[in-house]
Protein backbone atom coordinates (compact mmCIF):
# COMPACT_ATOMS: atom_id res chain seq x y z
CA MET A 1 10.68 -33.88 8.56
CA ASN A 2 13.85 -32.82 6.91
CA ASN A 3 16.19 -31.26 9.58
CA ASN A 4 16.79 -28.31 7.72
CA PHE A 5 13.18 -27.19 8.01
CA VAL A 6 11.30 -25.74 11.00
CA PRO A 7 7.37 -25.73 11.50
CA LEU A 8 5.70 -22.33 10.31
CA ASP A 9 4.76 -20.01 12.80
CA VAL A 10 3.38 -17.44 10.64
CA PRO A 11 1.46 -17.94 7.58
CA ILE A 12 3.06 -18.85 4.37
CA GLU A 13 1.62 -16.37 2.32
CA HIS A 14 2.77 -13.52 4.84
CA LEU A 15 6.04 -14.88 4.75
CA LEU A 16 6.35 -15.02 1.13
CA ARG A 17 4.95 -11.55 0.57
CA THR A 18 7.63 -10.08 3.28
CA LEU A 19 10.41 -12.17 1.31
CA THR A 20 9.62 -11.28 -2.14
CA PRO A 21 11.02 -7.73 -3.04
CA GLN A 22 14.15 -8.80 -0.93
CA VAL A 23 14.63 -12.14 -2.99
CA LEU A 24 13.67 -10.44 -6.36
CA GLY A 25 16.22 -7.45 -5.80
CA THR A 26 18.91 -9.94 -4.96
CA VAL A 27 18.35 -11.80 -7.99
CA VAL A 28 18.06 -8.66 -10.26
CA ARG A 29 21.29 -7.50 -8.75
CA ARG A 30 23.07 -10.57 -9.73
CA PHE A 31 21.61 -11.50 -13.40
CA GLY A 32 20.49 -7.67 -14.47
CA ASP A 33 17.38 -9.12 -15.97
CA PHE A 34 14.31 -7.88 -14.47
CA ALA A 35 11.50 -9.69 -16.41
CA ALA A 36 13.39 -12.89 -16.03
CA ALA A 37 14.25 -12.62 -12.54
CA GLU A 38 10.79 -11.70 -11.56
CA ASP A 39 9.63 -15.26 -13.66
CA ALA A 40 12.24 -16.95 -11.49
CA VAL A 41 11.17 -15.64 -8.06
CA GLN A 42 7.43 -16.50 -8.94
CA GLU A 43 8.66 -20.16 -9.53
CA ALA A 44 10.60 -20.09 -6.30
CA LEU A 45 7.53 -18.91 -4.56
CA LEU A 46 5.00 -21.63 -6.17
CA ALA A 47 7.69 -24.18 -5.04
CA ALA A 48 8.01 -22.75 -1.47
CA ALA A 49 3.93 -22.70 -1.26
CA LEU A 50 3.92 -26.37 -1.87
CA GLN A 51 7.15 -27.58 0.13
CA TRP A 52 6.75 -25.36 3.29
CA ARG A 53 3.22 -26.32 3.39
CA ARG A 54 4.14 -30.14 3.66
CA ASP A 55 7.53 -29.76 5.37
CA GLY A 56 7.56 -26.67 7.25
CA SER A 57 9.56 -23.58 6.75
CA PRO A 58 13.44 -23.82 6.17
CA ASN A 59 15.90 -22.39 8.75
CA ASN A 60 16.56 -19.59 6.26
CA PRO A 61 13.40 -19.24 4.09
CA ARG A 62 15.38 -16.10 2.20
CA ALA A 63 18.36 -18.19 1.28
CA TRP A 64 16.11 -20.96 0.65
CA LEU A 65 14.10 -18.77 -1.92
CA THR A 66 17.22 -16.95 -3.62
CA GLN A 67 18.97 -20.54 -4.21
CA VAL A 68 15.70 -21.97 -5.96
CA ALA A 69 15.59 -18.44 -7.94
CA PHE A 70 19.09 -18.51 -8.79
CA ARG A 71 18.80 -22.19 -10.29
CA ARG A 72 15.71 -21.24 -12.47
CA MET A 73 17.78 -18.31 -13.75
CA ALA A 74 20.43 -20.57 -14.65
CA ASP A 75 17.97 -23.10 -16.37
CA HIS A 76 16.75 -19.78 -18.18
CA ILE A 77 20.22 -18.43 -19.22
CA ARG A 78 21.27 -21.99 -20.41
CA SER A 79 18.14 -22.01 -22.55
CA GLU A 80 19.61 -19.03 -24.53
CA SER A 81 23.40 -20.33 -24.37
CA ALA A 82 23.29 -21.16 -28.07
CA ARG A 83 23.10 -17.53 -28.99
CA ARG A 84 24.37 -15.98 -25.84
CA ARG A 85 27.43 -17.52 -25.33
CA ARG A 86 28.60 -15.05 -22.54
CA GLU A 87 25.23 -15.50 -20.52
CA SER A 88 26.35 -19.29 -20.44
CA GLU A 89 29.61 -18.54 -18.22
CA VAL A 90 27.22 -16.59 -15.91
CA ALA A 91 24.64 -19.79 -15.61
CA GLN A 92 27.49 -22.01 -14.77
CA ALA A 93 28.44 -19.63 -12.05
CA ALA A 94 25.23 -19.41 -10.74
CA THR A 95 24.63 -23.43 -10.26
CA TYR A 96 27.04 -23.96 -7.17
CA THR A 97 25.10 -24.96 -4.00
CA ILE A 98 24.21 -21.68 -2.18
CA GLU A 99 24.49 -22.03 2.08
CA ALA A 100 22.44 -20.33 4.06
CA THR A 101 24.88 -18.07 5.76
CA ASP A 102 25.60 -16.35 2.11
CA PHE A 103 22.59 -14.33 3.03
CA GLU A 104 22.36 -13.82 6.27
CA THR A 105 24.26 -10.51 6.20
CA ALA A 106 23.08 -9.78 2.82
CA PRO A 107 21.91 -5.98 2.42
CA GLN A 108 18.40 -6.78 2.46
CA GLU A 109 17.05 -3.23 2.94
CA ASP A 110 19.46 -1.74 0.03
CA ASP A 111 18.38 -4.32 -2.21
CA THR A 112 14.54 -3.57 -1.88
CA LEU A 113 15.62 0.29 -2.04
CA VAL A 114 17.38 -0.14 -5.14
CA LEU A 115 14.40 -2.34 -6.60
CA LEU A 116 12.13 0.53 -5.56
CA PHE A 117 14.24 3.19 -7.29
CA MET A 118 14.90 1.06 -10.26
CA CYS A 119 11.22 0.50 -10.78
CA CYS A 120 10.67 4.29 -10.87
CA HIS A 121 13.27 4.82 -13.38
CA PRO A 122 12.44 7.65 -15.62
CA ALA A 123 12.57 5.72 -18.85
CA LEU A 124 9.02 4.60 -17.83
CA THR A 125 5.83 6.72 -17.74
CA PRO A 126 4.66 7.41 -14.18
CA ALA A 127 1.59 5.51 -14.23
CA SER A 128 3.85 2.58 -15.52
CA ALA A 129 6.45 2.71 -13.00
CA ILE A 130 3.97 3.01 -10.16
CA ALA A 131 2.20 -0.02 -11.21
CA LEU A 132 5.35 -2.14 -11.44
CA THR A 133 6.71 -0.76 -8.32
CA LEU A 134 3.56 -1.78 -6.56
CA ARG A 135 3.89 -5.50 -8.15
CA ALA A 136 7.38 -5.82 -7.45
CA VAL A 137 8.26 -3.92 -4.07
CA GLY A 138 4.78 -4.32 -2.64
CA GLY A 139 3.67 -8.04 -3.90
CA LEU A 140 0.23 -6.39 -4.85
CA THR A 141 -1.87 -8.54 -7.51
CA THR A 142 -2.83 -6.80 -10.70
CA ALA A 143 -6.52 -6.79 -9.62
CA GLU A 144 -5.40 -4.87 -6.09
CA ILE A 145 -3.34 -2.40 -8.30
CA ALA A 146 -5.91 -1.82 -10.70
CA HIS A 147 -8.52 -1.00 -7.82
CA ALA A 148 -5.98 1.34 -6.28
CA PHE A 149 -5.91 3.29 -9.72
CA LEU A 150 -9.65 3.19 -10.36
CA VAL A 151 -8.81 1.26 -13.78
CA PRO A 152 -10.10 -1.95 -15.26
CA GLU A 153 -7.89 -4.90 -14.58
CA PRO A 154 -6.70 -5.83 -18.29
CA THR A 155 -5.55 -2.37 -18.68
CA MET A 156 -3.50 -2.34 -15.64
CA ALA A 157 -1.89 -5.88 -16.75
CA GLN A 158 -1.01 -4.12 -20.05
CA ARG A 159 0.57 -1.11 -18.21
CA ILE A 160 2.73 -3.48 -16.10
CA SER A 161 3.62 -5.62 -19.09
CA ARG A 162 4.83 -2.54 -20.99
CA ALA A 163 6.97 -1.41 -18.19
CA LYS A 164 8.90 -4.72 -17.97
CA GLN A 165 9.49 -4.35 -21.39
CA SER A 166 10.87 -0.66 -21.14
CA ILE A 167 13.13 -1.75 -18.46
CA LYS A 168 14.68 -4.60 -20.67
CA LYS A 169 15.13 -2.19 -23.72
CA SER A 170 16.56 0.51 -21.69
CA GLY A 171 19.16 -1.65 -19.84
CA ILE A 172 18.49 0.31 -16.38
CA ARG A 173 21.20 -0.86 -14.32
CA PHE A 174 20.59 -2.31 -10.66
CA GLU A 175 22.06 0.52 -8.32
CA LEU A 176 21.06 2.81 -5.92
CA PRO A 177 20.91 6.12 -8.19
CA ASN A 178 22.81 9.40 -7.13
CA THR A 179 21.46 12.35 -5.12
CA LYS A 180 20.37 14.13 -8.41
CA GLU A 181 18.41 10.90 -9.82
CA ARG A 182 16.72 10.38 -6.43
CA THR A 183 15.31 13.55 -6.66
CA GLN A 184 14.00 13.17 -9.96
CA ARG A 185 12.17 9.81 -8.91
CA LEU A 186 11.35 10.71 -5.80
CA ARG A 187 7.61 11.96 -6.38
CA THR A 188 7.08 8.59 -7.89
CA VAL A 189 8.58 6.62 -5.10
CA LEU A 190 6.45 8.38 -2.47
CA HIS A 191 3.40 7.67 -4.32
CA VAL A 192 4.20 4.01 -4.67
CA LEU A 193 4.99 3.91 -0.74
CA TYR A 194 1.75 5.79 -0.25
CA LEU A 195 -0.38 3.26 -2.21
CA ILE A 196 1.37 0.36 -0.51
CA PHE A 197 0.55 1.65 2.99
CA ASN A 198 -3.05 2.25 1.96
CA GLU A 199 -3.38 -1.33 0.58
CA GLY A 200 -1.96 -2.77 3.96
CA TYR A 201 -3.77 -0.47 6.23
CA THR A 202 -7.29 -1.33 4.37
CA SER A 203 -7.36 -4.12 1.99
CA SER A 204 -9.40 -3.85 -1.08
CA VAL A 205 -10.02 -7.63 -0.95
CA GLY A 206 -10.03 -10.63 1.30
CA PRO A 207 -11.05 -11.73 4.55
CA THR A 208 -9.14 -9.15 6.62
CA LEU A 209 -9.49 -5.47 7.09
CA ARG A 210 -5.55 -5.02 6.83
CA ARG A 211 -2.60 -6.48 5.90
CA ALA A 212 0.19 -5.56 8.48
CA ASP A 213 3.27 -6.76 6.44
CA LEU A 214 2.12 -4.21 3.50
CA SER A 215 1.87 -1.28 5.91
CA HIS A 216 4.77 -2.07 8.00
CA GLU A 217 6.95 -2.56 4.73
CA ALA A 218 5.96 0.85 3.26
CA ILE A 219 6.57 2.56 6.60
CA ARG A 220 10.18 0.85 6.71
CA LEU A 221 10.77 1.90 3.55
CA THR A 222 9.50 5.48 3.94
CA ARG A 223 11.93 5.64 6.99
CA ILE A 224 15.10 4.62 4.66
CA VAL A 225 13.98 7.03 2.02
CA HIS A 226 13.37 9.93 4.82
CA HIS A 227 17.01 9.08 6.23
CA LEU A 228 18.46 9.49 2.73
CA GLN A 229 16.88 12.68 2.13
CA LEU A 230 17.84 14.39 5.49
CA ALA A 231 21.51 13.49 4.55
CA ASN A 232 21.32 14.80 1.24
CA GLN A 233 18.19 17.26 0.97
CA PRO A 234 17.04 18.36 4.27
CA GLU A 235 14.61 20.72 2.37
CA ALA A 236 12.37 17.81 0.85
CA THR A 237 9.79 18.04 3.31
CA GLU A 238 7.26 15.68 1.50
CA VAL A 239 8.95 12.63 2.50
CA ALA A 240 8.59 13.63 6.31
CA GLY A 241 5.03 14.41 5.65
CA LEU A 242 4.39 10.94 4.14
CA LEU A 243 6.29 9.40 6.95
CA ALA A 244 4.22 11.37 9.44
CA LEU A 245 0.79 10.45 7.81
CA MET A 246 1.57 6.72 7.80
CA LEU A 247 2.60 6.84 11.52
CA LEU A 248 -0.49 8.58 12.65
CA THR A 249 -2.83 6.68 10.56
CA ASP A 250 -1.37 3.45 11.51
CA ALA A 251 -1.34 4.35 15.21
CA ARG A 252 -5.15 3.50 15.22
CA ARG A 253 -4.43 -0.15 13.96
CA LEU A 254 -5.39 -1.86 17.11
CA ALA A 255 -8.64 -0.09 17.47
CA ARG A 256 -10.21 -0.43 14.12
CA THR A 257 -11.38 -3.99 14.44
CA SER A 258 -13.10 -6.08 17.17
CA ALA A 259 -11.95 -9.29 18.75
CA GLU A 260 -13.89 -11.21 16.03
CA GLY A 261 -12.31 -8.84 13.43
CA GLU A 262 -15.39 -6.53 12.74
CA LEU A 263 -14.80 -3.14 11.38
CA ILE A 264 -14.90 -0.20 14.15
CA PRO A 265 -15.73 3.36 12.39
CA LEU A 266 -13.21 6.14 13.39
CA ALA A 267 -15.96 7.89 15.66
CA GLN A 268 -16.84 4.45 17.74
CA GLN A 269 -13.14 3.42 18.22
CA ASP A 270 -11.58 2.95 21.85
CA ARG A 271 -8.91 5.92 21.79
CA GLU A 272 -6.91 4.40 24.35
CA LEU A 273 -6.02 1.61 22.20
CA TRP A 274 -4.49 4.23 19.84
CA ASP A 275 -0.55 4.00 19.73
CA LYS A 276 0.65 7.25 22.02
CA ASP A 277 4.20 6.94 20.78
CA GLN A 278 3.67 6.49 17.14
CA ILE A 279 1.17 9.35 17.51
CA ALA A 280 3.47 11.53 19.12
CA GLU A 281 6.40 10.68 16.50
CA GLY A 282 4.26 11.86 13.68
CA VAL A 283 2.92 14.83 15.50
CA ALA A 284 6.54 16.00 15.92
CA LEU A 285 7.37 15.06 12.61
CA ILE A 286 4.60 17.07 10.77
CA SER A 287 5.11 19.92 13.25
CA ALA A 288 8.74 20.56 12.30
CA THR A 289 8.08 20.01 8.57
CA LEU A 290 5.13 22.43 8.03
CA PRO A 291 6.91 25.55 8.96
CA LYS A 292 9.87 24.92 6.58
CA GLY A 293 8.39 26.38 3.45
CA SER A 294 6.52 24.75 0.47
CA VAL A 295 3.50 22.47 1.79
CA GLY A 296 2.72 19.05 -0.22
CA PRO A 297 -0.41 17.03 -0.06
CA TYR A 298 1.42 14.41 1.96
CA GLN A 299 1.97 17.10 4.76
CA LEU A 300 -1.74 18.03 4.50
CA GLN A 301 -3.30 14.78 4.83
CA ALA A 302 -0.48 14.21 7.75
CA ALA A 303 -1.82 17.68 9.26
CA ILE A 304 -5.50 16.30 9.13
CA ALA A 305 -4.51 12.95 10.73
CA ALA A 306 -2.83 14.79 13.44
CA VAL A 307 -6.24 16.62 14.09
CA HIS A 308 -8.02 13.38 14.68
CA ASP A 309 -5.39 11.95 16.59
CA GLU A 310 -5.03 14.68 18.90
CA ALA A 311 -8.86 14.87 19.87
CA ALA A 312 -9.24 13.18 22.99
CA ARG A 313 -12.97 12.15 22.28
CA THR A 314 -14.65 12.00 18.96
CA GLU A 315 -17.03 14.96 20.01
CA ASP A 316 -13.62 17.11 20.21
CA THR A 317 -12.60 16.66 16.76
CA ASP A 318 -11.70 20.02 15.18
CA TRP A 319 -13.78 19.70 11.97
CA PRO A 320 -13.56 23.42 10.93
CA GLN A 321 -9.81 22.92 10.90
CA ILE A 322 -9.97 19.49 8.99
CA LEU A 323 -12.42 21.06 6.53
CA ALA A 324 -9.72 24.00 5.93
CA LEU A 325 -7.11 21.67 5.64
CA TYR A 326 -9.26 19.69 2.99
CA ASP A 327 -9.83 22.97 1.20
CA LEU A 328 -6.39 23.32 0.68
CA LEU A 329 -5.71 19.96 -0.42
CA ARG A 330 -8.49 19.97 -3.11
CA ARG A 331 -6.58 23.13 -4.67
CA MET A 332 -3.66 20.63 -4.91
CA SER A 333 -5.03 17.31 -6.03
CA ASP A 334 -7.46 16.06 -8.49
CA ASN A 335 -8.08 13.03 -6.72
CA PRO A 336 -11.66 12.22 -6.15
CA MET A 337 -10.80 10.50 -2.72
CA VAL A 338 -10.00 13.82 -1.64
CA THR A 339 -13.31 15.47 -2.88
CA LEU A 340 -15.20 12.57 -1.06
CA ASN A 341 -13.52 13.16 2.13
CA HIS A 342 -13.85 17.10 2.03
CA ALA A 343 -17.90 16.48 1.63
CA ILE A 344 -17.51 14.59 4.92
CA ALA A 345 -15.62 17.41 6.57
CA ALA A 346 -18.24 20.03 5.15
CA ALA A 347 -21.09 17.87 6.40
CA MET A 348 -19.72 17.62 10.07
CA VAL A 349 -19.38 21.37 10.01
CA HIS A 350 -22.15 22.41 7.87
CA GLY A 351 -24.79 19.62 8.04
CA ALA A 352 -25.52 16.69 6.11
CA ALA A 353 -27.29 18.45 2.98
CA LYS A 354 -24.10 20.35 2.11
CA GLY A 355 -22.14 17.28 2.18
CA LEU A 356 -24.62 15.55 0.02
CA GLU A 357 -24.52 18.48 -2.48
CA LEU A 358 -20.90 18.04 -2.68
CA LEU A 359 -21.11 14.51 -3.26
CA ASN A 360 -23.18 15.11 -6.42
CA VAL A 361 -20.10 16.38 -8.45
CA LEU A 362 -18.50 12.95 -8.12
CA ARG A 363 -21.40 11.02 -9.93
CA ALA A 364 -20.06 12.23 -13.36
CA ASP A 365 -16.41 11.14 -12.27
CA ALA A 366 -15.87 7.73 -13.87
CA ARG A 367 -12.97 6.99 -11.57
CA ILE A 368 -14.94 6.83 -8.31
CA ALA A 369 -18.82 6.76 -10.02
CA ASP A 370 -18.89 2.81 -9.22
CA HIS A 371 -16.64 2.87 -5.94
CA HIS A 372 -17.94 1.39 -2.99
CA ARG A 373 -16.89 4.27 -0.78
CA LEU A 374 -19.15 6.74 -2.65
CA ASP A 375 -22.17 4.69 -1.84
CA ALA A 376 -20.86 4.19 1.74
CA VAL A 377 -20.41 8.07 2.57
CA ARG A 378 -23.74 8.76 0.79
CA ALA A 379 -25.54 6.37 2.90
CA HIS A 380 -23.81 7.92 6.18
CA LEU A 381 -24.64 11.28 5.19
CA LEU A 382 -28.30 10.27 4.51
CA GLU A 383 -28.66 8.77 7.79
CA LEU A 384 -27.51 11.81 9.14
CA ALA A 385 -30.03 13.60 7.22
CA GLY A 386 -32.88 11.42 8.29
CA ASP A 387 -33.40 9.66 5.20
CA ARG A 388 -33.29 5.96 6.39
CA GLU A 389 -34.62 4.24 3.37
CA GLY A 390 -31.94 5.91 1.34
CA ALA A 391 -29.49 5.09 3.60
CA VAL A 392 -30.29 1.76 3.74
CA ARG A 393 -30.31 1.44 -0.15
CA HIS A 394 -26.76 2.96 -0.41
CA PHE A 395 -25.35 0.91 2.38
CA ARG A 396 -26.42 -2.16 0.41
CA ALA A 397 -25.10 -0.86 -2.83
CA ALA A 398 -21.67 -0.35 -1.05
CA ALA A 399 -21.66 -3.76 0.32
CA GLY A 400 -22.12 -5.30 -2.94
CA LYS A 401 -19.09 -3.45 -4.62
CA THR A 402 -16.37 -3.96 -2.07
CA GLY A 403 -14.11 -7.22 -1.95
CA SER A 404 -13.12 -6.55 1.34
CA LEU A 405 -15.25 -9.04 3.90
CA PRO A 406 -15.17 -6.86 6.94
CA GLU A 407 -16.24 -3.79 5.11
CA ARG A 408 -18.77 -5.75 3.48
CA ASN A 409 -20.26 -7.17 6.83
CA TYR A 410 -19.99 -3.90 8.53
CA LEU A 411 -22.02 -2.26 5.27
CA LEU A 412 -24.47 -4.70 5.80
CA THR A 413 -25.09 -4.56 9.64
CA GLN A 414 -25.49 -0.84 9.08
CA ALA A 415 -28.12 -1.28 6.62
CA ALA A 416 -29.80 -4.16 8.65
CA ARG A 417 -29.73 -1.71 11.49
CA LEU A 418 -31.32 0.96 9.77
CA ASP A 419 -33.87 -1.34 8.24
CA ARG A 420 -34.77 -2.80 11.71
CA THR A 421 -35.09 0.56 13.10
CA ALA A 422 -37.54 2.01 10.41
CA THR A 423 -39.93 -1.17 10.75
CA ASN A 424 -39.77 -0.97 14.68
CA PRO A 425 -39.42 2.78 15.30
CA ARG A 426 -39.68 2.43 19.04
CA GLU A 427 -36.27 0.81 19.24
């Protein structure tokens, strides 16, 4: 084995996903061409996946990826040298051998943060900016982003492609925007971080329930944005609300799955496994933020998460308070997932029939009508209402719609449990 390489102690996919936005930020900062830089980084990632699996990981994986991406960019610029003589000089400067130590002190956080704000430039539509950032910073696939937006995958692919072209045509510079510009982009940045966290906390596809690299990166970046806002705009409370929401939600991570990786719903989790320090930090954040004035959707969601986390037992959950918070959230948001969660809270307070009644309005909402969560919630409420056959039918329908293996297994297990009970009522 090459002495510059060491055995991998983490999965290749996890390592590459973590490094991708850092390397992409460095390459974009150096060359200024977002689309070409993304292609170069993708080629470097492919080379790494092949070579590292065979030889092990280099001592400095980020430096290795950056060096390979720089060389790919140099090749790209050389191919354009006939009509771009100036870029030929840049290519020549990029061909020297890059030592690992050149990158050990590189501003990884700054590059990733700059990349985040760059992708959220006002030259892009909010939808395109969010999609592109999820791809570049979050490392999500087009299919995963389409799932988060509740749109077809081809539609999302076109949206991302248009966003790249817009960045190229507008000549957006790779630099951290000033305070005024950050304020203009903040709403989009927060939405992106929210979606990255959600995909990490509950993966839409794959064999595992969560992808810790995504959720941890979302929390890390949100902390950085929060510190920036505290220094320049302490009244921007939604950043604190989002950070509190992430902390309060992520605090339950160890209790969400069994040793075999099986999903454990909130009501059945061992609350002793919840991260008490994270809960305390999240509660302190939201408690300090709510009284400051304007309340936004992230603060309300954080408040809901805090009510759940502060209940010592499932039966101690203050559902009337949660329902009141969802009532407020529904007035601010047209998100069908909010309506779905509001129906659950209403069922906990007023009974399953009320929850099922509220779910009916979502049948005509194309954004969620075919989503597995709608069937899963309907199945749960039907079980509470005593309709086992209906619950079995919708649990199975939900299982057929999710791309997450742990979710699918859980839903099928619930269907089998109810079907067995219906057949053998004495059990």
